[in-house]
Amino acid sequence: MKILVINAGSSSLKYQLIDMETEKVMAKGLCERIGIEGSKLNHTPDGGEKNVIEKDMKDHSDAIKMVLDALTDANYGVISDMSEIAAVGHRVVHGGETFSGSVVINDEVKKALEACVPLAPLHNPANLIGIAACEAAMPGVPQIGVFDTAFHQTMSKEAYMYAVPYELYEKHKIRRYGFHGTSHKYVAQEAAKMLGKNPEDLKMITCHMGNGSSITAVDGGKSVDTSMGFTPLAGVVMGTRCGDIDPAIVKFIAEAEGKTIAEVDALLNKESGVQGISGVSSDFRDLEAAQAEGNERAALALDMFVESVRKFIGSYMVKMGGVDAIIFTAGIGENTPVMREAITANLEAFGIKVDSEKNEKAIRGAQMDISAADSKVKILVVPTNEELMIAKETLALVK
């Protein structure tokens, strides 16, 4: 069975076609600048070269049509006919409190997603547009919604509530939602396989560390706490996001700098984090290079990131009464040995000890156990694969 995975943004659309019998990616690509001059499709079949198709895409319907044309093209396509696509799995950023798992999309589901637009104004409208475009281009093909927030719906009320007047929760659903749920779920399941155990028998801390980062406590295969909150701004220090700060700072900056609330929000989301501290970049590779050249602000930014991750790891160990495995994933987690070493440094008293040689030699794109032989806690590197997780969720519902 072949599943098409769609991740629609406001002016972009990423896709993968996956053969679920082998879990092999048959083709993948990206539609860029949808609705903007200079739009194009980058399409790469498995084992083939990237094909760049420059063509106007006035909307997501045009983009979907181009994707389907590319997948069935005589020269660089990978299927003979659209009928080979059994279902479409859509990444949907916000499911609010309505969805605790993936669902077959129908009119009722779409209404619920529209109701969540105020919670994710930049993402959910684009997701809905992608769904509508696929429905129009592929009538009768099941469309499945897989939510970034769903995995975290198992958090207890004391974990997800904020100490603001309860009426605000009732009226506006102000609470912790958490994000990156598809990634956290995938790597937790893969880590359990690596350890030869059931997820239900493990206490794990999953560290999704990229330009956006979040840490999750996974107890018995379920999310019991996570660092991101009502929005992805909360939690650890990130590429351009500030992470947790005193909320009174918002008012102070607005008054001191003469900024509107919207301008402060943009500053905290797009101009802060390690980029704001370093003044160099939001890319950790650039920061490491700057640190090596003696840039003190770059070194400070990296230290602040490490400190913020360690705080969540410590608090989640307390919450779960221990931990069996710490998992690193996403761009920084998978590819930056120095960050993994720094985050796990001096934790021997808690049974956490990295093998420095294994850590340094971890193979890019491979699952690795980098824990020392005498470490009581397993320290694992597990490359994330959100697209495969979406395809698996889609397959389960279609079956």
Protein backbone atom coordinates (compact mmCIF):
# COMPACT_ATOMS: atom_id res chain seq x y z
CA MET A 1 0.00 0.00 0.00
CA LYS A 2 1.34 3.42 -0.99
CA ILE A 3 0.72 6.44 1.25
CA LEU A 4 1.24 10.07 0.22
CA VAL A 5 2.34 12.25 3.14
CA ILE A 6 1.59 15.98 2.84
CA ASN A 7 2.94 18.83 4.98
CA ALA A 8 1.33 22.05 3.73
CA GLY A 9 2.67 25.46 4.74
CA SER A 10 1.31 28.87 3.86
CA SER A 11 3.36 29.12 0.65
CA SER A 12 4.99 25.69 0.49
CA LEU A 13 4.08 22.02 0.36
CA LYS A 14 6.41 19.13 1.28
CA TYR A 15 5.55 15.57 0.33
CA GLN A 16 6.75 11.98 0.41
CA LEU A 17 5.31 8.91 -1.26
CA ILE A 18 6.01 5.85 0.91
CA ASP A 19 5.54 2.19 0.05
CA MET A 20 4.31 0.82 3.38
CA GLU A 21 5.18 -2.78 2.54
CA THR A 22 8.87 -1.87 2.72
CA GLU A 23 8.58 1.58 4.41
CA LYS A 24 10.69 2.86 1.52
CA VAL A 25 10.40 6.47 0.32
CA MET A 26 9.60 6.18 -3.39
CA ALA A 27 9.80 9.92 -4.03
CA LYS A 28 9.87 13.18 -2.13
CA GLY A 29 9.74 16.83 -2.94
CA LEU A 30 8.89 20.42 -2.15
CA CYS A 31 6.63 22.96 -3.80
CA GLU A 32 8.01 26.44 -3.15
CA ARG A 33 6.59 29.97 -3.45
CA ILE A 34 2.97 28.89 -3.93
CA GLY A 35 0.96 31.96 -4.89
CA ILE A 36 4.19 33.94 -5.37
CA GLU A 37 6.10 34.73 -8.53
CA GLY A 38 8.86 32.21 -9.27
CA SER A 39 7.11 29.13 -7.89
CA LYS A 40 8.70 25.73 -8.55
CA LEU A 41 8.58 22.06 -7.64
CA ASN A 42 11.67 20.14 -6.52
CA HIS A 43 10.96 16.43 -7.08
CA THR A 44 13.38 13.59 -6.30
CA PRO A 45 12.55 9.95 -7.07
CA ASP A 46 14.31 7.30 -4.99
CA GLY A 47 17.74 6.67 -6.46
CA GLY A 48 17.28 9.41 -9.04
CA GLU A 49 18.36 13.01 -9.50
CA LYS A 50 16.40 16.02 -8.29
CA ASN A 51 14.09 17.46 -10.95
CA VAL A 52 13.26 21.16 -10.76
CA ILE A 53 9.98 22.06 -12.47
CA GLU A 54 9.44 25.81 -12.71
CA LYS A 55 5.78 26.60 -13.18
CA ASP A 56 3.26 29.06 -11.75
CA MET A 57 1.30 27.69 -8.79
CA LYS A 58 -1.42 30.16 -7.95
CA ASP A 59 -2.68 28.07 -5.04
CA HIS A 60 -2.29 24.71 -3.25
CA SER A 61 -4.62 23.01 -5.74
CA ASP A 62 -2.11 23.79 -8.48
CA ALA A 63 0.67 22.50 -6.24
CA ILE A 64 -1.10 19.18 -5.57
CA LYS A 65 -1.77 18.73 -9.28
CA MET A 66 1.93 19.30 -10.02
CA VAL A 67 2.90 16.76 -7.33
CA LEU A 68 0.57 14.13 -8.79
CA ASP A 69 1.82 14.87 -12.31
CA ALA A 70 5.41 14.45 -11.12
CA LEU A 71 4.67 11.17 -9.35
CA THR A 72 3.11 9.73 -12.52
CA ASP A 73 5.51 11.31 -15.07
CA ALA A 74 6.89 8.91 -17.65
CA ASN A 75 10.49 10.08 -17.11
CA TYR A 76 10.86 10.72 -13.38
CA GLY A 77 7.62 9.41 -11.91
CA VAL A 78 7.43 6.38 -9.59
CA ILE A 79 3.84 5.18 -10.12
CA SER A 80 1.89 4.53 -13.29
CA ASP A 81 -1.43 5.89 -12.08
CA MET A 82 -2.89 7.96 -9.23
CA SER A 83 -5.04 4.98 -8.27
CA GLU A 84 -1.91 3.44 -6.70
CA ILE A 85 -2.11 6.01 -3.89
CA ALA A 86 -4.26 4.36 -1.22
CA ALA A 87 -4.50 7.32 1.17
CA VAL A 88 -3.07 10.72 2.06
CA GLY A 89 -1.68 11.50 5.50
CA HIS A 90 -1.68 15.20 6.43
CA ARG A 91 0.51 16.76 9.07
CA VAL A 92 -1.76 19.07 11.06
CA VAL A 93 -0.08 21.30 13.62
CA HIS A 94 -2.89 21.89 16.12
CA GLY A 95 -5.74 19.63 17.12
CA GLY A 96 -6.55 21.44 20.36
CA GLU A 97 -8.28 19.29 22.95
CA THR A 98 -10.51 17.70 20.32
CA PHE A 99 -8.04 15.15 18.94
CA SER A 100 -6.01 12.74 21.04
CA GLY A 101 -5.10 10.65 17.99
CA SER A 102 -5.12 10.60 14.22
CA VAL A 103 -8.48 10.71 12.44
CA VAL A 104 -10.10 10.17 9.06
CA ILE A 105 -10.93 13.67 7.82
CA ASN A 106 -14.58 14.49 7.23
CA ASP A 107 -16.68 17.67 7.39
CA GLU A 108 -16.96 17.47 11.18
CA VAL A 109 -13.18 17.15 11.55
CA LYS A 110 -12.61 20.12 9.25
CA LYS A 111 -14.96 22.25 11.35
CA ALA A 112 -12.99 21.28 14.45
CA LEU A 113 -9.72 22.22 12.72
CA GLU A 114 -11.18 25.60 11.76
CA ALA A 115 -12.10 26.10 15.42
CA CYS A 116 -8.41 25.56 16.27
CA VAL A 117 -7.21 28.28 13.87
CA PRO A 118 -6.89 30.90 16.67
CA LEU A 119 -4.48 28.49 18.43
CA ALA A 120 -2.29 28.09 15.32
CA PRO A 121 -3.09 30.99 12.97
CA LEU A 122 -0.02 30.46 10.78
CA HIS A 123 -0.28 26.70 10.41
CA ASN A 124 -3.84 25.34 10.59
CA PRO A 125 -5.21 27.46 7.70
CA ALA A 126 -2.42 26.12 5.45
CA ASN A 127 -3.12 22.57 6.62
CA LEU A 128 -6.80 23.00 5.78
CA ILE A 129 -5.93 24.36 2.33
CA GLY A 130 -3.73 21.31 1.70
CA ILE A 131 -6.54 18.98 2.74
CA ALA A 132 -9.05 20.72 0.48
CA ALA A 133 -6.62 20.62 -2.46
CA CYS A 134 -6.06 16.87 -2.04
CA GLU A 135 -9.79 16.21 -1.73
CA ALA A 136 -10.41 18.08 -4.98
CA ALA A 137 -7.59 16.37 -6.87
CA MET A 138 -8.15 12.88 -5.44
CA PRO A 139 -11.88 12.35 -4.88
CA GLY A 140 -12.67 9.24 -2.87
CA VAL A 141 -9.12 8.75 -1.57
CA PRO A 142 -9.10 8.69 2.27
CA GLN A 143 -7.56 11.79 3.85
CA ILE A 144 -6.07 11.33 7.34
CA GLY A 145 -5.16 14.05 9.84
CA VAL A 146 -2.11 13.43 12.07
CA PHE A 147 -1.66 16.09 14.76
CA ASP A 148 1.51 17.52 16.31
CA THR A 149 -0.40 18.02 19.55
CA ALA A 150 -2.17 14.65 19.81
CA PHE A 151 0.62 12.68 21.51
CA HIS A 152 0.61 15.13 24.42
CA GLN A 153 -3.12 14.79 25.12
CA THR A 154 -2.24 12.11 27.70
CA MET A 155 -0.80 14.73 30.06
CA SER A 156 -2.57 15.05 33.40
CA LYS A 157 -4.52 18.20 34.17
CA GLU A 158 -1.95 19.42 36.70
CA ALA A 159 0.69 19.09 33.98
CA TYR A 160 -1.14 20.96 31.23
CA MET A 161 -2.99 23.67 33.18
CA TYR A 162 -1.63 27.18 33.73
CA ALA A 163 -2.27 29.05 36.97
CA VAL A 164 -4.39 31.74 35.31
CA PRO A 165 -8.08 32.25 36.14
CA TYR A 166 -9.86 28.99 35.33
CA GLU A 167 -12.45 30.88 33.29
CA LEU A 168 -9.75 31.69 30.72
CA TYR A 169 -9.16 27.98 30.22
CA GLU A 170 -12.90 27.37 29.85
CA LYS A 171 -13.41 30.29 27.44
CA HIS A 172 -10.22 30.24 25.39
CA LYS A 173 -8.63 26.83 26.09
CA ILE A 174 -5.47 28.45 27.43
CA ARG A 175 -3.32 25.47 28.54
CA ARG A 176 -0.16 23.58 27.67
CA TYR A 177 -0.53 21.65 24.40
CA GLY A 178 3.01 20.72 23.42
CA PHE A 179 4.29 20.14 19.89
CA HIS A 180 6.61 17.85 17.91
CA GLY A 181 4.35 15.05 19.12
CA THR A 182 4.77 12.94 15.99
CA SER A 183 8.55 13.04 16.41
CA HIS A 184 8.49 12.29 20.15
CA LYS A 185 6.17 9.34 19.59
CA TYR A 186 8.28 7.93 16.74
CA VAL A 187 11.64 8.08 18.53
CA ALA A 188 10.17 6.70 21.77
CA GLN A 189 8.84 3.69 19.87
CA GLU A 190 12.13 3.21 18.01
CA ALA A 191 14.12 3.51 21.24
CA ALA A 192 12.00 0.78 22.84
CA LYS A 193 12.73 -1.47 19.85
CA MET A 194 16.47 -0.78 20.22
CA LEU A 195 16.28 -1.81 23.87
CA GLY A 196 14.19 -4.88 23.12
CA LYS A 197 11.40 -3.74 25.42
CA ASN A 198 7.81 -2.56 25.22
CA PRO A 199 7.33 1.22 25.47
CA GLU A 200 4.86 0.49 28.31
CA ASP A 201 7.77 -0.78 30.44
CA LEU A 202 10.05 2.24 30.02
CA LYS A 203 10.56 5.74 31.38
CA MET A 204 12.11 7.87 28.62
CA ILE A 205 13.07 11.48 28.03
CA THR A 206 12.98 12.40 24.35
CA CYS A 207 14.98 15.46 23.29
CA HIS A 208 13.86 16.83 19.90
CA MET A 209 16.55 19.45 19.31
CA GLY A 210 16.57 21.51 16.14
CA ASN A 211 15.94 25.16 15.33
CA GLY A 212 12.78 24.52 17.34
CA SER A 213 13.38 22.24 20.32
CA SER A 214 11.20 20.44 22.84
CA ILE A 215 11.81 17.90 25.59
CA THR A 216 9.18 15.31 26.56
CA ALA A 217 8.76 12.91 29.47
CA VAL A 218 7.42 9.61 28.10
CA ASP A 219 6.25 7.22 30.83
CA GLY A 220 4.85 3.88 29.75
CA GLY A 221 4.73 4.99 26.12
CA LYS A 222 2.67 8.09 26.91
CA SER A 223 3.58 11.76 27.12
CA VAL A 224 3.23 12.92 30.71
CA ASP A 225 4.90 16.31 30.33
CA THR A 226 6.54 18.41 27.62
CA SER A 227 8.47 21.67 27.45
CA MET A 228 6.54 23.59 24.78
CA GLY A 229 3.30 25.11 25.97
CA PHE A 230 0.28 27.00 24.65
CA THR A 231 2.53 27.85 21.69
CA PRO A 232 5.92 26.56 20.50
CA LEU A 233 7.56 29.64 22.08
CA ALA A 234 7.76 28.06 25.53
CA GLY A 235 10.36 25.68 26.92
CA VAL A 236 14.08 25.51 26.16
CA VAL A 237 16.18 28.19 24.46
CA MET A 238 15.86 27.70 20.70
CA GLY A 239 17.24 29.01 17.41
CA THR A 240 15.25 32.26 17.36
CA ARG A 241 12.71 31.62 20.16
CA CYS A 242 13.38 32.75 23.72
CA GLY A 243 11.91 29.75 25.54
CA ASP A 244 10.66 30.21 29.09
CA ILE A 245 10.91 33.77 30.41
CA ASP A 246 9.18 35.88 33.06
CA PRO A 247 5.92 36.89 31.31
CA ALA A 248 6.18 40.40 32.79
CA ILE A 249 9.11 40.96 30.39
CA VAL A 250 6.59 41.31 27.55
CA LYS A 251 4.98 44.38 29.13
CA PHE A 252 8.38 45.80 30.10
CA ILE A 253 9.81 45.51 26.57
CA ALA A 254 6.64 46.98 25.04
CA GLU A 255 6.83 50.04 27.28
CA ALA A 256 10.62 50.45 27.30
CA GLU A 257 11.05 50.01 23.54
CA GLY A 258 7.76 51.53 22.41
CA LYS A 259 6.65 48.32 20.74
CA THR A 260 3.21 46.82 20.26
CA ILE A 261 2.34 43.43 21.72
CA ALA A 262 2.53 41.98 18.19
CA GLU A 263 6.01 43.45 17.73
CA VAL A 264 7.21 42.00 21.04
CA ASP A 265 5.73 38.64 20.10
CA ALA A 266 7.66 38.74 16.81
CA LEU A 267 10.84 39.70 18.66
CA LEU A 268 10.52 36.77 21.08
CA ASN A 269 9.74 34.30 18.27
CA LYS A 270 12.05 35.46 15.49
CA GLU A 271 14.86 37.57 16.98
CA SER A 272 15.65 35.86 20.27
CA GLY A 273 17.05 32.47 21.31
CA VAL A 274 20.67 31.67 20.46
CA GLN A 275 20.52 34.10 17.54
CA GLY A 276 19.53 36.97 19.78
CA ILE A 277 22.13 36.12 22.42
CA SER A 278 25.02 35.44 20.02
CA GLY A 279 24.30 38.05 17.37
CA VAL A 280 25.80 35.47 15.02
CA SER A 281 23.25 32.94 13.84
CA SER A 282 20.49 30.55 14.79
CA ASP A 283 22.49 27.69 13.23
CA PHE A 284 24.42 25.77 15.87
CA ARG A 285 27.19 24.95 13.38
CA ASP A 286 27.86 28.67 12.97
CA LEU A 287 27.82 29.13 16.74
CA GLU A 288 30.33 26.33 17.30
CA ALA A 289 32.62 27.87 14.69
CA ALA A 290 32.29 31.30 16.30
CA GLN A 291 32.94 29.83 19.75
CA ALA A 292 36.11 28.17 18.46
CA GLU A 293 37.27 31.61 17.27
CA GLY A 294 36.77 33.01 20.77
CA ASN A 295 33.33 34.62 20.36
CA GLU A 296 32.09 34.87 23.97
CA ARG A 297 28.47 35.58 23.06
CA ALA A 298 28.32 32.51 20.85
CA ALA A 299 29.74 30.45 23.73
CA LEU A 300 27.16 31.98 26.08
CA ALA A 301 24.30 31.12 23.70
CA LEU A 302 25.41 27.49 23.51
CA ASP A 303 25.80 27.30 27.30
CA MET A 304 22.31 28.74 27.78
CA PHE A 305 20.82 26.15 25.42
CA VAL A 306 22.57 23.30 27.26
CA GLU A 307 21.48 24.65 30.65
CA SER A 308 17.84 24.91 29.60
CA VAL A 309 17.76 21.32 28.26
CA ARG A 310 19.42 19.96 31.42
CA LYS A 311 16.77 21.66 33.58
CA PHE A 312 13.97 19.81 31.82
CA ILE A 313 15.81 16.49 31.91
CA GLY A 314 16.28 16.90 35.67
CA SER A 315 12.68 17.86 36.32
CA TYR A 316 11.35 14.97 34.23
CA MET A 317 13.53 12.46 36.09
CA VAL A 318 11.92 13.67 39.28
CA LYS A 319 8.44 13.59 37.76
CA MET A 320 8.78 9.98 36.57
CA GLY A 321 10.79 8.77 39.56
CA GLY A 322 13.77 7.93 37.37
CA VAL A 323 14.60 7.36 33.71
CA ASP A 324 15.60 4.32 31.67
CA ALA A 325 16.67 6.10 28.48
CA ILE A 326 17.46 9.58 27.19
CA ILE A 327 16.95 9.95 23.44
CA PHE A 328 18.45 12.65 21.23
CA THR A 329 16.85 13.42 17.87
CA ALA A 330 16.35 16.10 15.15
CA GLY A 331 19.08 18.24 13.59
CA ILE A 332 21.07 19.14 16.70
CA GLY A 333 20.26 15.99 18.64
CA GLU A 334 21.30 13.70 15.79
CA ASN A 335 24.31 15.57 14.42
CA THR A 336 26.02 17.53 17.21
CA PRO A 337 28.14 15.31 19.50
CA VAL A 338 29.42 18.28 21.52
CA MET A 339 25.85 19.22 22.52
CA ARG A 340 24.99 15.65 23.58
CA GLU A 341 28.19 15.47 25.64
CA ALA A 342 27.54 18.83 27.31
CA ILE A 343 23.91 18.05 28.13
CA THR A 344 24.78 14.73 29.79
CA ALA A 345 27.96 15.94 31.54
CA ASN A 346 28.41 15.38 35.29
CA LEU A 347 25.28 13.24 35.62
CA GLU A 348 27.13 10.08 36.71
CA ALA A 349 25.51 10.31 40.15
CA PHE A 350 22.18 9.64 38.42
CA GLY A 351 23.53 6.69 36.45
CA ILE A 352 23.89 8.75 33.24
CA LYS A 353 27.23 8.42 31.48
CA VAL A 354 28.14 8.90 27.81
CA ASP A 355 30.88 6.97 26.04
CA SER A 356 32.78 9.90 24.51
CA GLU A 357 34.29 7.81 21.72
CA LYS A 358 30.93 6.32 20.69
CA ASN A 359 29.35 9.76 20.85
CA GLU A 360 32.02 11.33 18.66
CA LYS A 361 31.83 8.54 16.09
CA ALA A 362 28.01 8.36 15.90
CA ILE A 363 27.08 7.80 12.26
CA ARG A 364 24.82 10.43 10.71
CA GLY A 365 21.36 9.00 10.02
CA ALA A 366 21.93 5.84 12.09
CA GLN A 367 20.43 4.71 15.39
CA MET A 368 23.22 4.59 17.97
CA ASP A 369 23.66 3.64 21.64
CA ILE A 370 26.24 6.13 22.92
CA SER A 371 25.98 5.25 26.61
CA ALA A 372 29.05 4.04 28.50
CA ALA A 373 29.22 0.36 29.45
CA ASP A 374 28.63 1.21 33.12
CA SER A 375 25.84 3.74 32.49
CA LYS A 376 22.61 2.71 34.23
CA VAL A 377 20.63 4.92 31.85
CA LYS A 378 20.75 4.27 28.12
CA ILE A 379 21.67 7.31 26.02
CA LEU A 380 20.48 6.87 22.45
CA VAL A 381 20.62 8.77 19.17
CA VAL A 382 17.50 8.03 17.12
CA PRO A 383 16.98 9.88 13.81
CA THR A 384 13.43 11.14 13.67
CA ASN A 385 11.11 10.32 10.79
CA GLU A 386 7.89 12.24 11.17
CA GLU A 387 6.79 11.41 7.62
CA LEU A 388 7.04 7.66 8.27
CA MET A 389 5.15 8.09 11.55
CA ILE A 390 2.39 9.97 9.70
CA ALA A 391 2.30 7.21 7.08
CA LYS A 392 2.05 4.53 9.79
CA GLU A 393 -0.81 6.36 11.50
CA THR A 394 -2.52 6.74 8.13
CA LEU A 395 -2.09 3.07 7.28
CA ALA A 396 -3.53 1.99 10.63
CA LEU A 397 -6.69 4.04 10.07
CA VAL A 398 -7.12 2.99 6.45
CA LYS A 399 -6.81 -0.69 7.41
